């Protein structure tokens, strides 16, 4: 079953990392294993319609994942298309050792990990926000209860979303991957571990490191989020 977000904590427990953790928009789900197994076997026999149905089951979740992890609509589209292309090419060798859900997420996250590592090596030390659309997406996840446009609040929002983007970009690719799979996509840690081919304990340790880094980087903005929540 999908994981659901917990009720909002009282304001005195709210902080920037907590706000990030509450932004989850997706959880585990999708068709049952029998449905996927039937479609996979049909696709392995050459049934292109069955593969198209598999794609339709997961395409929105995978596109959301790749766009968010890369921070770019164009790069996300590229990773998304490459993920399903690789799935199509390798489907004959799928041996049902994991669910199709885990398998396609693993393909997509590995592609994004490689992309983030290449970008991390090549980018300059100064990090910039890629587009106004990405900025708006980050800001939309932070509640704004004002009924009238407020210039001071708008300025605070811009500063905060830039800080959040920088904080996420300052994580290692693997730390960011674990944090986002857990908190933005609502996956159980055992699923995150399966996707990344590691143990649940290792995944939890990575999540802890990521959370601690974000807490340090965003601690000075706790009061901002408290006022806005």
C-alpha atoms as a PDB file:
ATOM      1  CA  UNK A   1       0.000   0.000   0.000  1.00  0.00           C
ATOM      2  CA  UNK A   2       1.153   3.559  -0.555  1.00  0.00           C
ATOM      3  CA  UNK A   3       2.700   5.327   2.341  1.00  0.00           C
ATOM      4  CA  UNK A   4       0.711   8.326   3.442  1.00  0.00           C
ATOM      5  CA  UNK A   5       1.983  11.561   4.882  1.00  0.00           C
ATOM      6  CA  UNK A   6       1.633  12.047   8.588  1.00  0.00           C
ATOM      7  CA  UNK A   7      -0.467  14.886   9.932  1.00  0.00           C
ATOM      8  CA  UNK A   8       1.316  18.207  10.165  1.00  0.00           C
ATOM      9  CA  UNK A   9       3.338  18.519  13.346  1.00  0.00           C
ATOM     10  CA  UNK A  10       2.826  21.411  15.724  1.00  0.00           C
ATOM     11  CA  UNK A  11       4.689  24.558  14.758  1.00  0.00           C
ATOM     12  CA  UNK A  12       7.320  24.132  17.475  1.00  0.00           C
ATOM     13  CA  UNK A  13       8.485  20.895  15.831  1.00  0.00           C
ATOM     14  CA  UNK A  14       8.465  22.233  12.279  1.00  0.00           C
ATOM     15  CA  UNK A  15      11.775  22.972  10.616  1.00  0.00           C
ATOM     16  CA  UNK A  16      13.185  23.250   7.131  1.00  0.00           C
ATOM     17  CA  UNK A  17      14.138  19.580   6.905  1.00  0.00           C
ATOM     18  CA  UNK A  18      10.749  18.605   8.282  1.00  0.00           C
ATOM     19  CA  UNK A  19       9.093  20.717   5.610  1.00  0.00           C
ATOM     20  CA  UNK A  20      11.115  18.949   2.942  1.00  0.00           C
ATOM     21  CA  UNK A  21      10.144  15.594   4.411  1.00  0.00           C
ATOM     22  CA  UNK A  22       6.456  16.515   4.323  1.00  0.00           C
ATOM     23  CA  UNK A  23       6.536  17.285   0.602  1.00  0.00           C
ATOM     24  CA  UNK A  24       5.957  13.685  -0.465  1.00  0.00           C
ATOM     25  CA  UNK A  25       3.622  13.576  -3.464  1.00  0.00           C
ATOM     26  CA  UNK A  26       3.732   9.920  -4.359  1.00  0.00           C
ATOM     27  CA  UNK A  27       3.851   6.605  -2.623  1.00  0.00           C
ATOM     28  CA  UNK A  28       4.374   2.997  -3.411  1.00  0.00           C
ATOM     29  CA  UNK A  29       1.605   1.508  -5.432  1.00  0.00           C
ATOM     30  CA  UNK A  30       0.799   0.432  -8.943  1.00  0.00           C
ATOM     31  CA  UNK A  31      -0.803  -2.779 -10.133  1.00  0.00           C
ATOM     32  CA  UNK A  32      -0.481  -5.976  -8.172  1.00  0.00           C
ATOM     33  CA  UNK A  33       2.368  -8.374  -8.970  1.00  0.00           C
ATOM     34  CA  UNK A  34       0.082 -10.801 -10.817  1.00  0.00           C
ATOM     35  CA  UNK A  35      -1.057  -8.067 -13.200  1.00  0.00           C
ATOM     36  CA  UNK A  36       2.508  -7.049 -13.937  1.00  0.00           C
ATOM     37  CA  UNK A  37       3.638 -10.656 -14.292  1.00  0.00           C
ATOM     38  CA  UNK A  38       0.975 -11.346 -16.900  1.00  0.00           C
ATOM     39  CA  UNK A  39       1.895  -8.250 -18.872  1.00  0.00           C
ATOM     40  CA  UNK A  40       5.625  -8.999 -18.652  1.00  0.00           C
ATOM     41  CA  UNK A  41       5.195 -12.567 -19.894  1.00  0.00           C
ATOM     42  CA  UNK A  42       3.033 -11.366 -22.766  1.00  0.00           C
ATOM     43  CA  UNK A  43       5.578  -8.672 -23.648  1.00  0.00           C
ATOM     44  CA  UNK A  44       8.386 -11.234 -23.497  1.00  0.00           C
ATOM     45  CA  UNK A  45       6.467 -13.236 -26.097  1.00  0.00           C
ATOM     46  CA  UNK A  46       6.513 -10.206 -28.368  1.00  0.00           C
ATOM     47  CA  UNK A  47       3.197  -8.587 -27.453  1.00  0.00           C
ATOM     48  CA  UNK A  48       3.903  -4.871 -27.917  1.00  0.00           C
ATOM     49  CA  UNK A  49       0.502  -3.884 -26.535  1.00  0.00           C
ATOM     50  CA  UNK A  50       1.353  -5.578 -23.230  1.00  0.00           C
ATOM     51  CA  UNK A  51       4.567  -3.579 -22.977  1.00  0.00           C
ATOM     52  CA  UNK A  52       2.676  -0.375 -23.760  1.00  0.00           C
ATOM     53  CA  UNK A  53       0.334  -1.178 -20.888  1.00  0.00           C
ATOM     54  CA  UNK A  54       3.305  -1.637 -18.564  1.00  0.00           C
ATOM     55  CA  UNK A  55       4.622   1.741 -19.651  1.00  0.00           C
ATOM     56  CA  UNK A  56       1.229   3.356 -19.047  1.00  0.00           C
ATOM     57  CA  UNK A  57       1.112   1.911 -15.523  1.00  0.00           C
ATOM     58  CA  UNK A  58       4.369   3.581 -14.513  1.00  0.00           C
ATOM     59  CA  UNK A  59       5.182   6.364 -16.964  1.00  0.00           C
ATOM     60  CA  UNK A  60       3.884   9.248 -14.844  1.00  0.00           C
ATOM     61  CA  UNK A  61       5.673   8.049 -11.715  1.00  0.00           C
ATOM     62  CA  UNK A  62       8.950   7.537 -13.575  1.00  0.00           C
ATOM     63  CA  UNK A  63       8.726  10.889 -15.350  1.00  0.00           C
ATOM     64  CA  UNK A  64       8.021  12.654 -12.051  1.00  0.00           C
ATOM     65  CA  UNK A  65      11.001  10.848 -10.537  1.00  0.00           C
ATOM     66  CA  UNK A  66      13.463  11.692 -13.304  1.00  0.00           C
ATOM     67  CA  UNK A  67      12.395  15.333 -13.688  1.00  0.00           C
ATOM     68  CA  UNK A  68      12.625  15.909  -9.962  1.00  0.00           C
ATOM     69  CA  UNK A  69      15.950  14.135  -9.484  1.00  0.00           C
ATOM     70  CA  UNK A  70      17.651  15.873 -12.400  1.00  0.00           C
ATOM     71  CA  UNK A  71      16.036  19.239 -11.653  1.00  0.00           C
ATOM     72  CA  UNK A  72      15.423  19.725 -15.370  1.00  0.00           C
ATOM     73  CA  UNK A  73      12.392  18.965 -17.510  1.00  0.00           C
ATOM     74  CA  UNK A  74      14.575  18.269 -20.540  1.00  0.00           C
ATOM     75  CA  UNK A  75      17.053  16.026 -18.708  1.00  0.00           C
ATOM     76  CA  UNK A  76      14.184  14.322 -16.912  1.00  0.00           C
ATOM     77  CA  UNK A  77      12.467  13.571 -20.225  1.00  0.00           C
ATOM     78  CA  UNK A  78      15.719  12.151 -21.583  1.00  0.00           C
ATOM     79  CA  UNK A  79      16.237   9.916 -18.540  1.00  0.00           C
ATOM     80  CA  UNK A  80      12.584   8.815 -18.648  1.00  0.00           C
ATOM     81  CA  UNK A  81      12.780   7.805 -22.317  1.00  0.00           C
ATOM     82  CA  UNK A  82      16.104   6.048 -21.821  1.00  0.00           C
ATOM     83  CA  UNK A  83      14.737   4.137 -18.809  1.00  0.00           C
ATOM     84  CA  UNK A  84      11.854   2.623 -20.769  1.00  0.00           C
ATOM     85  CA  UNK A  85      14.082   1.992 -23.784  1.00  0.00           C
ATOM     86  CA  UNK A  86      16.439  -0.006 -21.583  1.00  0.00           C
ATOM     87  CA  UNK A  87      13.506  -1.796 -19.988  1.00  0.00           C
ATOM     88  CA  UNK A  88      12.232  -2.780 -23.437  1.00  0.00           C
ATOM     89  CA  UNK A  89      15.634  -4.053 -24.558  1.00  0.00           C
ATOM     90  CA  UNK A  90      16.242  -6.018 -21.355  1.00  0.00           C
ATOM     91  CA  UNK A  91      12.735  -7.314 -20.726  1.00  0.00           C
ATOM     92  CA  UNK A  92      13.476 -10.727 -22.311  1.00  0.00           C
ATOM     93  CA  UNK A  93      16.055 -11.236 -19.536  1.00  0.00           C
ATOM     94  CA  UNK A  94      13.705 -10.209 -16.713  1.00  0.00           C
ATOM     95  CA  UNK A  95      13.584 -13.161 -14.302  1.00  0.00           C
ATOM     96  CA  UNK A  96      10.970 -11.979 -11.765  1.00  0.00           C
ATOM     97  CA  UNK A  97      13.568 -11.740  -9.004  1.00  0.00           C
ATOM     98  CA  UNK A  98      11.982  -8.424  -8.040  1.00  0.00           C
ATOM     99  CA  UNK A  99       8.821  -6.581  -9.012  1.00  0.00           C
ATOM    100  CA  UNK A 100       8.652  -4.684 -12.273  1.00  0.00           C
ATOM    101  CA  UNK A 101       8.001  -1.617 -10.130  1.00  0.00           C
ATOM    102  CA  UNK A 102      11.350  -2.014  -8.359  1.00  0.00           C
ATOM    103  CA  UNK A 103      13.099  -2.918 -11.603  1.00  0.00           C
ATOM    104  CA  UNK A 104      11.977   0.132 -13.599  1.00  0.00           C
ATOM    105  CA  UNK A 105      12.664   2.439 -10.634  1.00  0.00           C
ATOM    106  CA  UNK A 106      16.157   0.931 -10.398  1.00  0.00           C
ATOM    107  CA  UNK A 107      16.827   1.583 -14.070  1.00  0.00           C
ATOM    108  CA  UNK A 108      15.603   5.174 -13.798  1.00  0.00           C
ATOM    109  CA  UNK A 109      17.455   5.963 -10.570  1.00  0.00           C
ATOM    110  CA  UNK A 110      20.708   4.504 -11.906  1.00  0.00           C
ATOM    111  CA  UNK A 111      20.408   6.698 -14.972  1.00  0.00           C
ATOM    112  CA  UNK A 112      19.773   9.734 -12.775  1.00  0.00           C
ATOM    113  CA  UNK A 113      22.651   8.822 -10.455  1.00  0.00           C
ATOM    114  CA  UNK A 114      25.038   8.673 -13.406  1.00  0.00           C
ATOM    115  CA  UNK A 115      23.663  11.972 -14.681  1.00  0.00           C
ATOM    116  CA  UNK A 116      24.061  13.674 -11.301  1.00  0.00           C
ATOM    117  CA  UNK A 117      27.599  12.349 -10.896  1.00  0.00           C
ATOM    118  CA  UNK A 118      28.602  13.641 -14.326  1.00  0.00           C
ATOM    119  CA  UNK A 119      27.027  16.995 -13.569  1.00  0.00           C
ATOM    120  CA  UNK A 120      28.682  17.123 -10.156  1.00  0.00           C
ATOM    121  CA  UNK A 121      32.107  16.604 -11.706  1.00  0.00           C
ATOM    122  CA  UNK A 122      31.609  19.152 -14.475  1.00  0.00           C
ATOM    123  CA  UNK A 123      29.697  21.972 -12.840  1.00  0.00           C
ATOM    124  CA  UNK A 124      31.320  25.039 -11.317  1.00  0.00           C
ATOM    125  CA  UNK A 125      31.398  25.567  -7.581  1.00  0.00           C
ATOM    126  CA  UNK A 126      28.637  28.147  -7.755  1.00  0.00           C
ATOM    127  CA  UNK A 127      25.218  26.493  -8.130  1.00  0.00           C
ATOM    128  CA  UNK A 128      22.412  28.252  -9.926  1.00  0.00           C
ATOM    129  CA  UNK A 129      18.720  27.511 -10.137  1.00  0.00           C
ATOM    130  CA  UNK A 130      18.014  26.136 -13.597  1.00  0.00           C
ATOM    131  CA  UNK A 131      14.665  27.748 -14.386  1.00  0.00           C
ATOM    132  CA  UNK A 132      11.737  29.718 -13.039  1.00  0.00           C
ATOM    133  CA  UNK A 133       9.562  26.612 -13.468  1.00  0.00           C
ATOM    134  CA  UNK A 134      11.812  24.625 -11.145  1.00  0.00           C
ATOM    135  CA  UNK A 135      11.741  27.501  -8.646  1.00  0.00           C
ATOM    136  CA  UNK A 136       7.976  27.637  -8.760  1.00  0.00           C
ATOM    137  CA  UNK A 137       7.707  23.879  -8.240  1.00  0.00           C
ATOM    138  CA  UNK A 138       9.837  24.097  -5.096  1.00  0.00           C
ATOM    139  CA  UNK A 139       7.908  27.070  -3.767  1.00  0.00           C
ATOM    140  CA  UNK A 140       4.555  25.419  -4.406  1.00  0.00           C
ATOM    141  CA  UNK A 141       5.463  22.738  -1.890  1.00  0.00           C
ATOM    142  CA  UNK A 142       5.773  25.331   0.876  1.00  0.00           C
ATOM    143  CA  UNK A 143       2.346  26.352   2.202  1.00  0.00           C
ATOM    144  CA  UNK A 144       1.387  29.970   1.795  1.00  0.00           C
ATOM    145  CA  UNK A 145      -1.693  30.949   3.756  1.00  0.00           C
ATOM    146  CA  UNK A 146      -1.707  34.589   2.776  1.00  0.00           C
ATOM    147  CA  UNK A 147      -4.829  35.825   1.025  1.00  0.00           C
ATOM    148  CA  UNK A 148      -3.200  38.920  -0.436  1.00  0.00           C
ATOM    149  CA  UNK A 149       0.093  39.168  -2.287  1.00  0.00           C
ATOM    150  CA  UNK A 150       2.791  40.211   0.154  1.00  0.00           C
ATOM    151  CA  UNK A 151       6.125  41.502  -1.225  1.00  0.00           C
ATOM    152  CA  UNK A 152       8.000  40.570   1.946  1.00  0.00           C
ATOM    153  CA  UNK A 153       6.529  37.069   1.891  1.00  0.00           C
ATOM    154  CA  UNK A 154       7.366  36.707  -1.804  1.00  0.00           C
ATOM    155  CA  UNK A 155      10.974  37.700  -1.141  1.00  0.00           C
ATOM    156  CA  UNK A 156      11.152  35.231   1.736  1.00  0.00           C
ATOM    157  CA  UNK A 157       9.784  32.519  -0.536  1.00  0.00           C
ATOM    158  CA  UNK A 158      12.389  33.171  -3.219  1.00  0.00           C
ATOM    159  CA  UNK A 159      15.219  33.079  -0.717  1.00  0.00           C
ATOM    160  CA  UNK A 160      13.878  29.908   0.846  1.00  0.00           C
ATOM    161  CA  UNK A 161      13.366  28.000  -2.390  1.00  0.00           C
ATOM    162  CA  UNK A 162      16.851  28.905  -3.568  1.00  0.00           C
ATOM    163  CA  UNK A 163      18.245  27.722  -0.252  1.00  0.00           C
ATOM    164  CA  UNK A 164      16.355  24.431  -0.508  1.00  0.00           C
ATOM    165  CA  UNK A 165      17.583  23.850  -4.059  1.00  0.00           C
ATOM    166  CA  UNK A 166      21.175  24.551  -3.060  1.00  0.00           C
ATOM    167  CA  UNK A 167      20.890  22.319  -0.009  1.00  0.00           C
ATOM    168  CA  UNK A 168      19.642  19.401  -2.103  1.00  0.00           C
ATOM    169  CA  UNK A 169      22.315  19.971  -4.734  1.00  0.00           C
ATOM    170  CA  UNK A 170      24.994  19.938  -2.043  1.00  0.00           C
ATOM    171  CA  UNK A 171      24.138  16.376  -1.077  1.00  0.00           C
ATOM    172  CA  UNK A 172      26.077  13.598  -2.738  1.00  0.00           C
ATOM    173  CA  UNK A 173      24.130  12.019  -5.635  1.00  0.00           C
ATOM    174  CA  UNK A 174      23.402   8.914  -3.572  1.00  0.00           C
ATOM    175  CA  UNK A 175      22.328  10.901  -0.499  1.00  0.00           C
ATOM    176  CA  UNK A 176      19.993  12.997  -2.594  1.00  0.00           C
ATOM    177  CA  UNK A 177      18.613   9.882  -4.268  1.00  0.00           C
ATOM    178  CA  UNK A 178      17.792   8.185  -0.958  1.00  0.00           C
ATOM    179  CA  UNK A 179      16.306  11.351   0.555  1.00  0.00           C
ATOM    180  CA  UNK A 180      14.106  12.067  -2.434  1.00  0.00           C
ATOM    181  CA  UNK A 181      12.952   8.473  -2.944  1.00  0.00           C
ATOM    182  CA  UNK A 182      11.933   8.373   0.704  1.00  0.00           C
ATOM    183  CA  UNK A 183      10.434  11.824   1.209  1.00  0.00           C
ATOM    184  CA  UNK A 184       9.347  13.063  -2.220  1.00  0.00           C
ATOM    185  CA  UNK A 185       8.178   9.720  -3.576  1.00  0.00           C
ATOM    186  CA  UNK A 186       6.991   8.162  -0.338  1.00  0.00           C
ATOM    187  CA  UNK A 187       8.818   4.852  -0.702  1.00  0.00           C
ATOM    188  CA  UNK A 188       9.491   2.464   2.166  1.00  0.00           C
ATOM    189  CA  UNK A 189      13.153   2.174   3.069  1.00  0.00           C
ATOM    190  CA  UNK A 190      13.200  -1.503   2.129  1.00  0.00           C
ATOM    191  CA  UNK A 191      12.018  -0.489  -1.349  1.00  0.00           C
ATOM    192  CA  UNK A 192      14.651   2.253  -1.570  1.00  0.00           C
ATOM    193  CA  UNK A 193      17.288  -0.308  -0.586  1.00  0.00           C
ATOM    194  CA  UNK A 194      16.034  -2.724  -3.237  1.00  0.00           C
ATOM    195  CA  UNK A 195      16.089  -0.062  -5.934  1.00  0.00           C
ATOM    196  CA  UNK A 196      19.655   0.937  -5.056  1.00  0.00           C
ATOM    197  CA  UNK A 197      20.802  -2.669  -4.535  1.00  0.00           C
ATOM    198  CA  UNK A 198      21.938  -2.112  -0.976  1.00  0.00           C
ATOM    199  CA  UNK A 199      20.848  -3.152   2.490  1.00  0.00           C
ATOM    200  CA  UNK A 200      18.085  -1.373   4.345  1.00  0.00           C
ATOM    201  CA  UNK A 201      20.559  -0.472   7.077  1.00  0.00           C
ATOM    202  CA  UNK A 202      22.911   1.172   4.600  1.00  0.00           C
ATOM    203  CA  UNK A 203      20.022   3.071   3.037  1.00  0.00           C
ATOM    204  CA  UNK A 204      18.923   4.300   6.464  1.00  0.00           C
ATOM    205  CA  UNK A 205      22.449   5.457   7.269  1.00  0.00           C
ATOM    206  CA  UNK A 206      22.573   7.347   3.978  1.00  0.00           C
ATOM    207  CA  UNK A 207      19.209   8.945   4.733  1.00  0.00           C
ATOM    208  CA  UNK A 208      20.457   9.957   8.192  1.00  0.00           C
ATOM    209  CA  UNK A 209      23.550  11.631   6.711  1.00  0.00           C
ATOM    210  CA  UNK A 210      21.456  13.442   4.125  1.00  0.00           C
ATOM    211  CA  UNK A 211      18.993  14.650   6.756  1.00  0.00           C
ATOM    212  CA  UNK A 212      21.771  15.880   9.027  1.00  0.00           C
ATOM    213  CA  UNK A 213      23.414  17.805   6.188  1.00  0.00           C
ATOM    214  CA  UNK A 214      20.118  19.399   5.208  1.00  0.00           C
ATOM    215  CA  UNK A 215      19.355  20.277   8.817  1.00  0.00           C
ATOM    216  CA  UNK A 216      22.675  22.097   9.157  1.00  0.00           C
ATOM    217  CA  UNK A 217      22.258  23.954   5.866  1.00  0.00           C
ATOM    218  CA  UNK A 218      18.638  24.927   6.480  1.00  0.00           C
ATOM    219  CA  UNK A 219      18.703  25.522  10.248  1.00  0.00           C
ATOM    220  CA  UNK A 220      18.777  29.302   9.872  1.00  0.00           C
ATOM    221  CA  UNK A 221      15.529  29.106   7.912  1.00  0.00           C
ATOM    222  CA  UNK A 222      13.523  27.198  10.520  1.00  0.00           C
ATOM    223  CA  UNK A 223      11.888  30.354  11.800  1.00  0.00           C
ATOM    224  CA  UNK A 224      10.840  31.278   8.272  1.00  0.00           C
ATOM    225  CA  UNK A 225       9.039  27.997   7.787  1.00  0.00           C
ATOM    226  CA  UNK A 226       7.396  28.218  11.198  1.00  0.00           C
ATOM    227  CA  UNK A 227       5.954  31.606  10.279  1.00  0.00           C
ATOM    228  CA  UNK A 228       4.753  30.289   6.927  1.00  0.00           C
ATOM    229  CA  UNK A 229       3.214  27.047   8.248  1.00  0.00           C
END
